């Protein structure tokens, strides 16, 4: 609802919604003895960085490739840090 300085109201629709199907890729790795996983869009424009600073496209990633990463204690949900506990069985 939009309201002007005199209190006159009007309904307004803002924003948009788009649903897309995109291929995703599950990447599982070892980080100093700890297993980690990452889900990324499977597209040549999505890249990771090698220890030499070179970009590696997700589509060219092979088992045994080394990539740089930053490990945080907190989890993330939609990019925001969250305090979480996760037990997989």
N, C-alpha and C. Protein backbone atom coordinates (compact mmCIF):
# COMPACT_ATOMS: atom_id res chain seq x y z
N UNK A 1 0.85 -1.17 0.00
CA UNK A 1 0.00 0.00 0.00
C UNK A 1 0.90 1.24 0.00
N UNK A 2 0.56 2.17 -0.86
CA UNK A 2 1.27 3.45 -0.89
C UNK A 2 0.41 4.48 -0.18
N UNK A 3 1.07 5.33 0.61
CA UNK A 3 0.37 6.37 1.35
C UNK A 3 1.09 7.69 1.10
N UNK A 4 0.34 8.73 0.69
CA UNK A 4 0.99 10.03 0.48
C UNK A 4 0.99 10.84 1.78
N UNK A 5 1.52 12.04 1.72
CA UNK A 5 1.67 12.87 2.92
C UNK A 5 0.35 13.28 3.54
N UNK A 6 -0.76 13.15 2.79
CA UNK A 6 -2.08 13.50 3.31
C UNK A 6 -2.83 12.27 3.82
N UNK A 7 -2.19 11.09 3.74
CA UNK A 7 -2.82 9.88 4.23
C UNK A 7 -3.68 9.18 3.20
N UNK A 8 -3.65 9.64 1.96
CA UNK A 8 -4.42 9.00 0.90
C UNK A 8 -3.69 7.71 0.49
N UNK A 9 -4.44 6.63 0.48
CA UNK A 9 -3.85 5.30 0.23
C UNK A 9 -4.20 4.79 -1.16
N UNK A 10 -3.31 3.99 -1.68
CA UNK A 10 -3.52 3.35 -2.97
C UNK A 10 -2.78 2.02 -2.96
N UNK A 11 -3.41 0.99 -3.48
CA UNK A 11 -2.77 -0.32 -3.57
C UNK A 11 -1.80 -0.31 -4.75
N UNK A 12 -0.60 -0.85 -4.52
CA UNK A 12 0.40 -0.94 -5.60
C UNK A 12 1.05 -2.32 -5.53
N UNK A 13 1.36 -2.84 -6.70
CA UNK A 13 2.05 -4.11 -6.78
C UNK A 13 3.47 -3.84 -7.24
N UNK A 14 4.42 -4.25 -6.43
CA UNK A 14 5.82 -4.01 -6.73
C UNK A 14 6.57 -5.32 -6.81
N UNK A 15 7.69 -5.28 -7.52
CA UNK A 15 8.55 -6.46 -7.58
C UNK A 15 8.09 -7.44 -8.64
N UNK A 16 8.71 -8.58 -8.61
CA UNK A 16 8.38 -9.60 -9.59
C UNK A 16 8.78 -10.95 -9.06
N UNK A 17 8.40 -11.95 -9.78
CA UNK A 17 8.71 -13.31 -9.37
C UNK A 17 9.07 -14.08 -10.63
N UNK A 18 10.15 -14.84 -10.53
CA UNK A 18 10.58 -15.64 -11.67
C UNK A 18 11.02 -17.00 -11.14
N UNK A 19 10.53 -18.04 -11.76
CA UNK A 19 10.91 -19.39 -11.39
C UNK A 19 11.71 -19.97 -12.55
N UNK A 20 12.92 -20.44 -12.25
CA UNK A 20 13.76 -21.01 -13.29
C UNK A 20 14.24 -22.38 -12.87
N UNK A 21 14.36 -23.25 -13.83
CA UNK A 21 14.99 -24.54 -13.59
C UNK A 21 16.42 -24.43 -14.09
N UNK A 22 17.37 -24.73 -13.22
CA UNK A 22 18.77 -24.67 -13.59
C UNK A 22 19.47 -25.93 -13.12
N UNK A 23 20.39 -26.44 -13.92
CA UNK A 23 21.13 -27.62 -13.49
C UNK A 23 22.07 -27.25 -12.34
N UNK A 24 22.09 -28.08 -11.32
CA UNK A 24 22.94 -27.84 -10.17
C UNK A 24 23.98 -28.95 -10.07
N UNK A 25 25.07 -28.64 -9.39
CA UNK A 25 26.17 -29.58 -9.25
C UNK A 25 26.56 -29.66 -7.78
N UNK A 26 26.64 -30.88 -7.24
CA UNK A 26 27.08 -31.09 -5.87
C UNK A 26 28.58 -31.34 -5.91
N UNK A 27 29.32 -30.51 -5.22
CA UNK A 27 30.78 -30.66 -5.14
C UNK A 27 31.11 -31.13 -3.73
N UNK A 28 31.77 -32.27 -3.62
CA UNK A 28 32.20 -32.78 -2.32
C UNK A 28 33.71 -32.75 -2.29
N UNK A 29 34.26 -32.32 -1.17
CA UNK A 29 35.71 -32.15 -1.06
C UNK A 29 36.20 -32.45 0.34
N UNK A 30 37.51 -32.45 0.46
CA UNK A 30 38.17 -32.64 1.75
C UNK A 30 38.90 -31.34 2.07
N UNK A 31 38.62 -30.77 3.23
CA UNK A 31 39.26 -29.53 3.65
C UNK A 31 40.01 -29.80 4.95
N UNK A 32 41.28 -30.15 4.81
CA UNK A 32 42.08 -30.43 6.00
C UNK A 32 41.56 -31.58 6.82
N UNK A 33 41.06 -32.62 6.15
CA UNK A 33 40.54 -33.78 6.85
C UNK A 33 39.06 -33.71 7.15
N UNK A 34 38.43 -32.57 6.89
CA UNK A 34 36.99 -32.41 7.11
C UNK A 34 36.25 -32.50 5.79
N UNK A 35 35.24 -33.37 5.69
CA UNK A 35 34.46 -33.40 4.45
C UNK A 35 33.57 -32.17 4.35
N UNK A 36 33.54 -31.56 3.18
CA UNK A 36 32.67 -30.41 2.95
C UNK A 36 31.91 -30.64 1.65
N UNK A 37 30.81 -29.93 1.48
CA UNK A 37 30.06 -30.02 0.24
C UNK A 37 29.52 -28.64 -0.11
N UNK A 38 29.30 -28.48 -1.39
CA UNK A 38 28.87 -27.19 -1.91
C UNK A 38 27.97 -27.46 -3.11
N UNK A 39 26.84 -26.78 -3.18
CA UNK A 39 25.94 -26.91 -4.32
C UNK A 39 26.06 -25.62 -5.13
N UNK A 40 26.39 -25.78 -6.41
CA UNK A 40 26.55 -24.62 -7.28
C UNK A 40 25.82 -24.86 -8.59
N UNK A 41 25.49 -23.77 -9.27
CA UNK A 41 24.86 -23.89 -10.58
C UNK A 41 25.88 -24.48 -11.55
N UNK A 42 25.46 -25.45 -12.32
CA UNK A 42 26.33 -26.12 -13.28
C UNK A 42 26.33 -25.33 -14.59
N UNK A 43 27.20 -24.31 -14.65
CA UNK A 43 27.30 -23.46 -15.84
C UNK A 43 28.75 -23.03 -16.01
N UNK A 44 29.18 -22.86 -17.25
CA UNK A 44 30.58 -22.50 -17.51
C UNK A 44 30.96 -21.14 -16.94
N UNK A 45 29.97 -20.30 -16.66
CA UNK A 45 30.26 -18.97 -16.11
C UNK A 45 30.47 -18.99 -14.59
N UNK A 46 30.22 -20.11 -13.95
CA UNK A 46 30.44 -20.24 -12.51
C UNK A 46 31.83 -20.83 -12.33
N UNK A 47 32.68 -20.10 -11.59
CA UNK A 47 34.08 -20.51 -11.49
C UNK A 47 34.58 -20.53 -10.06
N UNK A 48 35.56 -21.40 -9.84
CA UNK A 48 36.31 -21.45 -8.59
C UNK A 48 37.73 -20.99 -8.91
N UNK A 49 38.56 -20.83 -7.88
CA UNK A 49 39.92 -20.34 -8.09
C UNK A 49 40.92 -21.39 -7.64
N UNK A 50 41.93 -21.65 -8.49
CA UNK A 50 42.98 -22.60 -8.17
C UNK A 50 44.00 -21.96 -7.21
N UNK A 51 44.85 -22.76 -6.57
CA UNK A 51 45.89 -22.19 -5.71
C UNK A 51 46.84 -21.24 -6.46
N UNK A 52 46.90 -21.35 -7.78
CA UNK A 52 47.74 -20.44 -8.59
C UNK A 52 47.00 -19.17 -8.97
N UNK A 53 45.74 -19.04 -8.54
CA UNK A 53 44.95 -17.85 -8.85
C UNK A 53 44.21 -17.93 -10.17
N UNK A 54 44.20 -19.09 -10.80
CA UNK A 54 43.53 -19.25 -12.09
C UNK A 54 42.07 -19.64 -11.88
N UNK A 55 41.21 -19.12 -12.73
CA UNK A 55 39.79 -19.46 -12.66
C UNK A 55 39.57 -20.86 -13.25
N UNK A 56 38.78 -21.67 -12.55
CA UNK A 56 38.41 -22.99 -13.04
C UNK A 56 36.89 -23.04 -13.14
N UNK A 57 36.39 -23.19 -14.36
CA UNK A 57 34.95 -23.29 -14.56
C UNK A 57 34.44 -24.57 -13.91
N UNK A 58 33.29 -24.48 -13.30
CA UNK A 58 32.66 -25.64 -12.68
C UNK A 58 32.53 -26.79 -13.68
N UNK A 59 32.25 -26.45 -14.94
CA UNK A 59 32.05 -27.48 -15.96
C UNK A 59 33.34 -28.22 -16.30
N UNK A 60 34.50 -27.64 -15.95
CA UNK A 60 35.79 -28.29 -16.22
C UNK A 60 36.40 -28.92 -14.97
N UNK A 61 35.72 -28.84 -13.85
CA UNK A 61 36.24 -29.37 -12.59
C UNK A 61 36.31 -30.90 -12.65
N UNK A 62 37.46 -31.43 -12.21
CA UNK A 62 37.67 -32.89 -12.23
C UNK A 62 38.03 -33.36 -10.82
N UNK A 63 37.79 -34.63 -10.57
CA UNK A 63 38.18 -35.22 -9.28
C UNK A 63 39.68 -35.02 -9.10
N UNK A 64 40.07 -34.56 -7.91
CA UNK A 64 41.48 -34.33 -7.62
C UNK A 64 41.92 -32.90 -7.82
N UNK A 65 41.11 -32.06 -8.52
CA UNK A 65 41.47 -30.65 -8.67
C UNK A 65 41.50 -29.97 -7.32
N UNK A 66 42.43 -29.04 -7.14
CA UNK A 66 42.51 -28.27 -5.91
C UNK A 66 41.98 -26.87 -6.17
N UNK A 67 41.15 -26.39 -5.25
CA UNK A 67 40.59 -25.04 -5.36
C UNK A 67 40.70 -24.34 -4.00
N UNK A 68 40.69 -23.03 -4.05
CA UNK A 68 40.73 -22.25 -2.82
C UNK A 68 39.32 -22.12 -2.25
N UNK A 69 39.25 -21.98 -0.94
CA UNK A 69 37.96 -21.79 -0.28
C UNK A 69 38.15 -21.15 1.07
N UNK A 70 37.07 -20.65 1.59
CA UNK A 70 37.07 -20.05 2.93
C UNK A 70 36.06 -20.81 3.76
N UNK A 71 36.51 -21.41 4.84
CA UNK A 71 35.63 -22.19 5.70
C UNK A 71 35.23 -21.34 6.89
N UNK A 72 33.93 -21.22 7.12
CA UNK A 72 33.41 -20.49 8.28
C UNK A 72 32.75 -21.46 9.23
N UNK A 73 32.75 -21.12 10.49
CA UNK A 73 32.12 -21.96 11.50
C UNK A 73 30.60 -21.97 11.33
N UNK A 74 30.02 -20.80 11.08
CA UNK A 74 28.57 -20.69 10.94
C UNK A 74 28.13 -21.18 9.57
N UNK A 75 26.91 -21.67 9.49
CA UNK A 75 26.34 -22.05 8.22
C UNK A 75 25.76 -20.84 7.52
N UNK A 76 25.25 -21.04 6.34
CA UNK A 76 24.63 -19.95 5.59
C UNK A 76 23.30 -20.42 5.02
N UNK A 77 22.36 -19.50 5.00
CA UNK A 77 21.07 -19.75 4.39
C UNK A 77 20.77 -18.54 3.52
N UNK A 78 20.67 -18.73 2.22
CA UNK A 78 20.49 -17.63 1.27
C UNK A 78 21.54 -16.54 1.47
N UNK A 79 22.78 -16.97 1.73
CA UNK A 79 23.89 -16.03 1.84
C UNK A 79 24.05 -15.39 3.20
N UNK A 80 23.11 -15.59 4.11
CA UNK A 80 23.19 -14.97 5.44
C UNK A 80 23.71 -16.00 6.44
N UNK A 81 24.61 -15.56 7.33
CA UNK A 81 25.13 -16.45 8.36
C UNK A 81 24.00 -16.86 9.30
N UNK A 82 23.99 -18.15 9.65
CA UNK A 82 23.01 -18.65 10.61
C UNK A 82 23.73 -19.57 11.59
N UNK A 83 23.29 -19.56 12.82
CA UNK A 83 23.83 -20.48 13.82
C UNK A 83 23.04 -21.77 13.68
N UNK A 84 23.71 -22.84 13.29
CA UNK A 84 22.99 -24.07 13.02
C UNK A 84 23.71 -25.27 13.60
N UNK A 85 22.97 -26.31 13.77
CA UNK A 85 23.52 -27.61 14.14
C UNK A 85 22.95 -28.61 13.15
N UNK A 86 23.80 -29.45 12.60
CA UNK A 86 23.36 -30.40 11.60
C UNK A 86 23.98 -31.75 11.92
N UNK A 87 23.12 -32.75 12.04
CA UNK A 87 23.58 -34.12 12.28
C UNK A 87 23.03 -34.98 11.16
N UNK A 88 23.93 -35.59 10.39
CA UNK A 88 23.50 -36.47 9.31
C UNK A 88 23.68 -37.91 9.75
N UNK A 89 22.72 -38.75 9.46
CA UNK A 89 22.79 -40.16 9.84
C UNK A 89 22.51 -41.04 8.65
